[in-house]
Amino acid sequence: MAFPINRLRRLRRNETLRRMVRETRLAPDDFIQPYFVCPGRGVNKPVAAMPGVAQLSVDNVLRAARETHEADVPAIILFGIPERKDDRGSGAWDDDGPVQRAIREIKDHLPGLAVITDVCMCEYTDHGHCGVIAGNDVDNDATLELLVREALSHVRAGADMVAPSDMMDGRVAAIRTGLDNQQFTHIPILAYSAKFASAFYGPFREAAESTPQFGDRRSYQMDPPNGDEAMREIALDLDEGADIVMVKPALPYLDLIYRAKHEFNVPVAAYNVSGEYAMIRAAGINGWLDEERATMEVLTAIKRAGADMILTYFATQVAQRLR
């Protein structure tokens, strides 16, 4: 008889035993910290829907990045809010834009910290969509040229990696070709490969000032029920030259993180997005749950599902606890 010889509770009796048999462990190296860069100096504008997160001017992003670096988090990802927006998002490739200036400052002062940049139009367009508008939809092919221009501007400023998040067909190939043609063959691409049209992005749109002014993004972001299609998107991005693939959001798509890791066996990132962050923070602030324990449980689940790296607004504070 298996019972009572096999008693699995024996190894749960105390914290020392639990630590010895723990299967999934978090470490600072698992994380990427997002930051929102805005114009000006001395700016620290809190995002109401994301307690603890703010739009930061370049000088304050540098201070925050130093804290992240000192916590042993290996990388940050930058999102930009330009001085002015237009229908083509031309601020995205402004070599003196907030993201480009932040890259230069961070690489000058913190050369060991990897700087990744979000490559998309939504933060830069006055209509809030991720590309050039034709009629009432985004023109896929016309947008590719703009994404290449943005990626090149970021890399010229010193970015270590670019992360296209727009979900245009063919954008990884376009960016890879554009980088290679300018002798940036060494720059990797982290592709937002399986990015779903999710309700969990709401707080981010406040942080990045990128709410669509009409319609929604469901004609280019993925339909949440579709898992097989997500694997096709990942396969296409890898064929086009992606070095790392991402599933976004993380929590509602843990099954797809698992599938991506096991079906492709490549580096897989997962984005613990703004809505997931806001839920835990709000519940913690209201005393509805233990925020620290909930945070660790969620991030452990994402890693256990197969994520090699986790983009999360909790990155720095969790890394500080783990050191």
Protein backbone atom coordinates (compact mmCIF):
# COMPACT_ATOMS: atom_id res chain seq x y z
CA MET A 1 0.00 0.00 0.00
CA ALA A 2 1.24 3.50 -0.86
CA PHE A 3 -0.22 4.93 2.34
CA PRO A 4 1.10 5.39 5.02
CA ILE A 5 4.59 4.66 3.60
CA ASN A 6 4.39 7.63 1.18
CA ARG A 7 3.58 10.77 3.12
CA LEU A 8 4.36 13.83 1.03
CA ARG A 9 3.76 16.13 3.99
CA ARG A 10 7.05 14.96 5.52
CA LEU A 11 8.96 17.39 3.30
CA ARG A 12 6.60 20.29 4.04
CA ARG A 13 7.04 20.28 7.83
CA ASN A 14 9.22 23.40 8.10
CA GLU A 15 10.70 26.14 5.96
CA THR A 16 14.15 24.53 5.78
CA LEU A 17 12.75 21.33 4.29
CA ARG A 18 10.49 23.27 1.93
CA ARG A 19 13.48 25.26 0.68
CA MET A 20 15.51 22.09 0.10
CA VAL A 21 12.94 20.52 -2.23
CA ARG A 22 11.65 23.68 -3.91
CA GLU A 23 11.37 23.09 -7.67
CA THR A 24 11.01 26.66 -9.00
CA ARG A 25 13.13 29.53 -7.71
CA LEU A 26 13.01 33.20 -8.54
CA ALA A 27 16.17 35.27 -8.88
CA PRO A 28 16.89 38.89 -9.89
CA ASP A 29 18.18 37.59 -13.23
CA ASP A 30 14.62 36.53 -14.11
CA PHE A 31 13.29 40.08 -14.35
CA ILE A 32 13.06 43.05 -16.69
CA GLN A 33 11.84 46.36 -15.21
CA PRO A 34 9.64 48.63 -17.39
CA TYR A 35 9.91 52.43 -17.23
CA PHE A 36 7.86 55.21 -18.84
CA VAL A 37 10.01 58.11 -20.05
CA CYS A 38 8.50 61.56 -20.58
CA PRO A 39 9.79 65.02 -21.57
CA GLY A 40 11.06 67.57 -19.08
CA ARG A 41 13.28 67.52 -16.04
CA GLY A 42 12.48 66.56 -12.48
CA VAL A 43 9.23 64.95 -13.58
CA ASN A 44 7.76 62.18 -11.45
CA LYS A 45 4.10 61.91 -12.42
CA PRO A 46 2.34 59.03 -10.64
CA VAL A 47 0.08 56.76 -12.68
CA ALA A 48 -3.18 56.64 -10.74
CA ALA A 49 -4.16 53.17 -11.94
CA MET A 50 -0.71 51.73 -11.10
CA PRO A 51 0.29 52.71 -7.54
CA GLY A 52 4.06 52.91 -7.29
CA VAL A 53 4.55 53.50 -11.04
CA ALA A 54 5.14 56.94 -12.57
CA GLN A 55 6.04 58.72 -15.77
CA LEU A 56 9.64 59.83 -15.28
CA SER A 57 11.79 62.41 -17.02
CA VAL A 58 15.22 61.28 -18.19
CA ASP A 59 17.03 62.38 -15.02
CA ASN A 60 14.59 60.44 -12.83
CA VAL A 61 14.66 57.39 -15.11
CA LEU A 62 18.43 57.33 -14.63
CA ARG A 63 17.97 57.38 -10.84
CA ALA A 64 15.38 54.61 -11.00
CA ALA A 65 17.53 52.55 -13.38
CA ARG A 66 20.44 52.81 -10.96
CA GLU A 67 18.25 51.35 -8.21
CA THR A 68 17.22 48.54 -10.56
CA HIS A 69 20.84 47.86 -11.48
CA GLU A 70 21.89 47.81 -7.81
CA ALA A 71 19.17 45.21 -7.17
CA ASP A 72 20.94 42.98 -9.75
CA VAL A 73 18.08 43.12 -12.26
CA PRO A 74 19.88 42.71 -15.59
CA ALA A 75 17.63 44.75 -17.89
CA ILE A 76 15.03 47.47 -18.23
CA ILE A 77 12.57 48.21 -21.03
CA LEU A 78 11.70 51.79 -21.96
CA PHE A 79 8.38 53.18 -23.19
CA GLY A 80 8.24 56.77 -24.42
CA ILE A 81 5.79 59.65 -24.12
CA PRO A 82 6.77 62.31 -26.69
CA GLU A 83 6.49 66.08 -26.45
CA ARG A 84 3.95 66.07 -29.28
CA LYS A 85 1.97 63.39 -31.07
CA ASP A 86 0.90 63.23 -34.72
CA ASP A 87 -0.90 60.84 -37.02
CA ARG A 88 2.30 58.98 -38.01
CA GLY A 89 3.98 58.90 -34.61
CA SER A 90 7.05 60.75 -35.86
CA GLY A 91 8.30 61.28 -32.30
CA ALA A 92 9.15 57.57 -32.23
CA TRP A 93 12.26 58.09 -34.38
CA ASP A 94 13.26 61.50 -33.02
CA ASP A 95 16.92 61.05 -32.13
CA ASP A 96 16.46 63.64 -29.37
CA GLY A 97 13.26 62.06 -28.03
CA PRO A 98 12.86 61.03 -24.37
CA VAL A 99 13.64 57.35 -24.98
CA GLN A 100 16.71 58.10 -27.08
CA ARG A 101 18.05 60.56 -24.49
CA ALA A 102 17.33 58.09 -21.68
CA ILE A 103 19.22 55.34 -23.51
CA ARG A 104 22.29 57.54 -23.89
CA GLU A 105 22.23 58.63 -20.23
CA ILE A 106 21.76 55.10 -18.91
CA LYS A 107 24.45 53.58 -21.12
CA ASP A 108 26.86 56.39 -20.16
CA HIS A 109 26.32 55.89 -16.43
CA LEU A 110 25.23 52.24 -16.14
CA PRO A 111 26.93 50.39 -19.01
CA GLY A 112 26.29 47.00 -17.40
CA LEU A 113 22.51 47.43 -17.42
CA ALA A 114 20.86 46.12 -20.59
CA VAL A 115 18.46 48.61 -22.17
CA ILE A 116 15.58 47.21 -24.22
CA THR A 117 13.19 49.51 -26.04
CA ASP A 118 9.56 49.03 -26.94
CA VAL A 119 9.12 49.53 -30.69
CA CYS A 120 5.55 50.58 -31.46
CA MET A 121 3.60 53.60 -32.63
CA CYS A 122 0.77 53.69 -30.07
CA GLU A 123 2.57 55.95 -27.57
CA TYR A 124 3.46 58.40 -30.34
CA THR A 125 0.33 58.67 -32.50
CA ASP A 126 -2.42 61.17 -31.80
CA HIS A 127 -5.01 58.47 -32.57
CA GLY A 128 -3.48 55.91 -30.18
CA HIS A 129 -3.24 53.07 -32.67
CA CYS A 130 -0.08 51.09 -33.40
CA GLY A 131 0.51 52.29 -36.96
CA VAL A 132 -0.56 54.29 -39.97
CA ILE A 133 -4.33 54.66 -40.27
CA ALA A 134 -6.04 53.85 -43.57
CA GLY A 135 -9.80 54.27 -43.35
CA ASN A 136 -10.72 52.87 -39.96
CA ASP A 137 -7.91 50.35 -39.66
CA VAL A 138 -4.13 50.21 -39.37
CA ASP A 139 -2.26 49.83 -42.66
CA ASN A 140 0.05 46.91 -41.93
CA ASP A 141 2.67 47.36 -44.67
CA ALA A 142 2.86 51.15 -44.44
CA THR A 143 3.57 50.78 -40.72
CA LEU A 144 6.59 48.52 -41.20
CA GLU A 145 8.78 51.33 -42.53
CA LEU A 146 8.01 53.44 -39.45
CA LEU A 147 8.84 50.62 -37.06
CA VAL A 148 12.19 50.17 -38.77
CA ARG A 149 12.93 53.88 -38.42
CA GLU A 150 12.05 53.74 -34.72
CA ALA A 151 14.18 50.65 -34.08
CA LEU A 152 17.17 52.19 -35.86
CA SER A 153 16.85 55.40 -33.87
CA HIS A 154 16.87 53.43 -30.61
CA VAL A 155 19.86 51.34 -31.62
CA ARG A 156 21.84 54.37 -32.79
CA ALA A 157 21.24 55.84 -29.33
CA GLY A 158 22.74 52.71 -27.76
CA ALA A 159 19.86 50.29 -27.11
CA ASP A 160 21.01 46.72 -26.49
CA MET A 161 17.82 45.11 -27.79
CA VAL A 162 14.60 46.15 -29.52
CA ALA A 163 11.16 44.76 -28.75
CA PRO A 164 8.47 45.27 -31.42
CA SER A 165 5.03 45.17 -29.76
CA ASP A 166 2.77 46.35 -32.59
CA MET A 167 1.62 42.94 -33.92
CA MET A 168 1.98 43.94 -37.57
CA ASP A 169 2.56 40.97 -39.88
CA GLY A 170 6.17 40.87 -41.09
CA ARG A 171 7.56 43.43 -38.68
CA VAL A 172 10.30 41.18 -37.27
CA ALA A 173 11.67 40.51 -40.76
CA ALA A 174 11.47 44.21 -41.64
CA ILE A 175 13.32 45.27 -38.49
CA ARG A 176 15.91 42.48 -38.83
CA THR A 177 16.63 43.54 -42.40
CA GLY A 178 16.76 47.20 -41.44
CA LEU A 179 19.20 46.54 -38.60
CA ASP A 180 21.39 44.26 -40.68
CA ASN A 181 21.56 46.73 -43.54
CA GLN A 182 22.94 49.32 -41.12
CA GLN A 183 25.56 46.93 -39.68
CA PHE A 184 23.58 46.27 -36.49
CA THR A 185 23.65 42.51 -37.00
CA HIS A 186 24.55 42.03 -33.32
CA ILE A 187 21.34 43.59 -31.96
CA PRO A 188 18.79 40.98 -30.82
CA ILE A 189 15.02 41.25 -31.28
CA LEU A 190 12.61 40.42 -28.47
CA ALA A 191 9.32 39.96 -30.33
CA TYR A 192 5.94 40.44 -28.72
CA SER A 193 4.91 37.35 -30.66
CA ALA A 194 1.70 36.27 -28.95
CA LYS A 195 0.19 39.57 -27.81
CA PHE A 196 -3.51 39.32 -27.11
CA ALA A 197 -6.21 41.99 -27.28
CA SER A 198 -6.55 41.95 -23.52
CA ALA A 199 -8.64 43.81 -20.95
CA PHE A 200 -5.57 43.73 -18.69
CA TYR A 201 -3.83 46.56 -20.59
CA GLY A 202 -6.08 49.31 -19.24
CA PRO A 203 -3.70 50.87 -16.70
CA PHE A 204 -0.82 50.83 -19.21
CA ARG A 205 -2.82 53.07 -21.54
CA GLU A 206 -2.96 55.69 -18.82
CA ALA A 207 0.77 55.32 -18.15
CA ALA A 208 1.72 55.56 -21.84
CA GLU A 209 -1.10 57.94 -22.80
CA SER A 210 -1.97 55.55 -25.62
CA THR A 211 -5.71 54.92 -25.41
CA PRO A 212 -7.13 54.50 -28.96
CA GLN A 213 -9.23 57.50 -29.97
CA PHE A 214 -11.57 55.27 -31.97
CA GLY A 215 -12.29 51.57 -32.19
CA ASP A 216 -9.96 49.09 -30.56
CA ARG A 217 -6.90 46.98 -31.39
CA ARG A 218 -8.61 43.67 -32.05
CA SER A 219 -7.89 43.78 -35.79
CA TYR A 220 -4.18 43.35 -35.09
CA GLN A 221 -3.76 42.02 -31.53
CA MET A 222 -4.72 38.39 -31.05
CA ASP A 223 -8.13 37.01 -30.14
CA PRO A 224 -7.86 35.62 -26.56
CA PRO A 225 -9.40 32.17 -27.28
CA ASN A 226 -6.76 31.25 -29.89
CA GLY A 227 -3.88 29.14 -28.60
CA ASP A 228 -2.88 27.38 -31.81
CA GLU A 229 -2.75 30.71 -33.62
CA ALA A 230 -0.38 31.97 -30.93
CA MET A 231 2.01 29.12 -31.74
CA ARG A 232 1.80 30.06 -35.44
CA GLU A 233 2.67 33.67 -34.59
CA ILE A 234 5.67 32.52 -32.58
CA ALA A 235 6.85 30.22 -35.37
CA LEU A 236 6.59 33.02 -37.92
CA ASP A 237 8.53 35.46 -35.73
CA LEU A 238 11.29 32.91 -35.23
CA ASP A 239 11.44 32.31 -38.97
CA GLU A 240 11.75 36.08 -39.48
CA GLY A 241 14.70 36.35 -37.08
CA ALA A 242 13.34 36.86 -33.56
CA ASP A 243 15.85 35.94 -30.86
CA ILE A 244 13.39 35.91 -27.95
CA VAL A 245 9.61 35.50 -28.14
CA MET A 246 7.03 36.86 -25.72
CA VAL A 247 3.59 35.90 -24.50
CA LYS A 248 1.53 38.86 -23.28
CA PRO A 249 -0.29 39.03 -20.87
CA ALA A 250 1.15 36.36 -18.59
CA LEU A 251 -1.44 35.21 -16.05
CA PRO A 252 -4.38 34.43 -18.37
CA TYR A 253 -1.99 32.69 -20.79
CA LEU A 254 0.19 30.47 -18.59
CA ASP A 255 -0.78 27.52 -20.78
CA LEU A 256 0.66 29.29 -23.83
CA ILE A 257 3.89 30.15 -22.02
CA TYR A 258 4.22 26.44 -21.28
CA ARG A 259 3.44 25.49 -24.88
CA ALA A 260 5.85 28.05 -26.31
CA LYS A 261 8.72 26.82 -24.17
CA HIS A 262 8.10 23.15 -24.90
CA GLU A 263 7.23 23.43 -28.59
CA PHE A 264 10.05 25.79 -29.60
CA ASN A 265 12.72 25.47 -26.88
CA VAL A 266 13.89 29.07 -27.34
CA PRO A 267 14.14 31.92 -24.83
CA VAL A 268 10.60 32.85 -23.80
CA ALA A 269 9.58 36.11 -22.13
CA ALA A 270 6.28 36.81 -20.41
CA TYR A 271 4.81 40.20 -19.57
CA ASN A 272 3.17 40.51 -16.16
CA VAL A 273 1.13 43.42 -17.47
CA SER A 274 -0.29 46.56 -15.92
CA GLY A 275 -3.70 45.12 -15.08
CA GLU A 276 -2.16 42.13 -13.34
CA TYR A 277 0.06 44.48 -11.36
CA ALA A 278 -2.81 46.84 -10.53
CA MET A 279 -5.02 44.01 -9.25
CA ILE A 280 -2.43 42.87 -6.73
CA ARG A 281 -1.50 46.41 -5.67
CA ALA A 282 -5.13 47.47 -5.20
CA ALA A 283 -6.00 44.35 -3.24
CA GLY A 284 -2.90 44.78 -1.09
CA ILE A 285 -3.59 48.46 -0.40
CA ASN A 286 -7.14 47.58 0.62
CA GLY A 287 -6.01 44.76 2.88
CA TRP A 288 -7.80 42.12 0.82
CA LEU A 289 -4.71 39.94 0.44
CA ASP A 290 -1.07 39.72 1.46
CA GLU A 291 0.52 41.71 -1.37
CA GLU A 292 4.05 40.38 -0.94
CA ARG A 293 2.97 36.73 -0.87
CA ALA A 294 0.58 37.20 -3.80
CA THR A 295 3.31 38.87 -5.86
CA MET A 296 5.78 36.07 -5.24
CA GLU A 297 3.16 33.42 -5.98
CA VAL A 298 2.20 35.03 -9.28
CA LEU A 299 5.79 35.51 -10.47
CA THR A 300 6.70 31.96 -9.44
CA ALA A 301 3.74 30.64 -11.45
CA ILE A 302 4.90 32.54 -14.54
CA LYS A 303 8.40 31.12 -14.22
CA ARG A 304 7.10 27.62 -13.47
CA ALA A 305 5.04 27.78 -16.67
CA GLY A 306 8.28 28.19 -18.63
CA ALA A 307 9.17 31.88 -18.82
CA ASP A 308 12.90 32.52 -18.96
CA MET A 309 12.39 36.24 -18.30
CA ILE A 310 9.51 38.18 -16.79
CA LEU A 311 8.73 41.80 -17.59
CA THR A 312 7.10 43.09 -14.42
CA TYR A 313 6.58 46.37 -12.60
CA PHE A 314 7.46 44.46 -9.42
CA ALA A 315 10.96 43.63 -10.72
CA THR A 316 13.13 45.95 -8.64
CA GLN A 317 11.31 45.55 -5.33
CA VAL A 318 11.15 41.75 -5.65
CA ALA A 319 14.82 41.55 -6.64
CA GLN A 320 15.74 43.58 -3.57
CA ARG A 321 13.95 41.03 -1.40
CA LEU A 322 15.63 38.11 -3.14
CA ARG A 323 19.20 39.35 -2.81
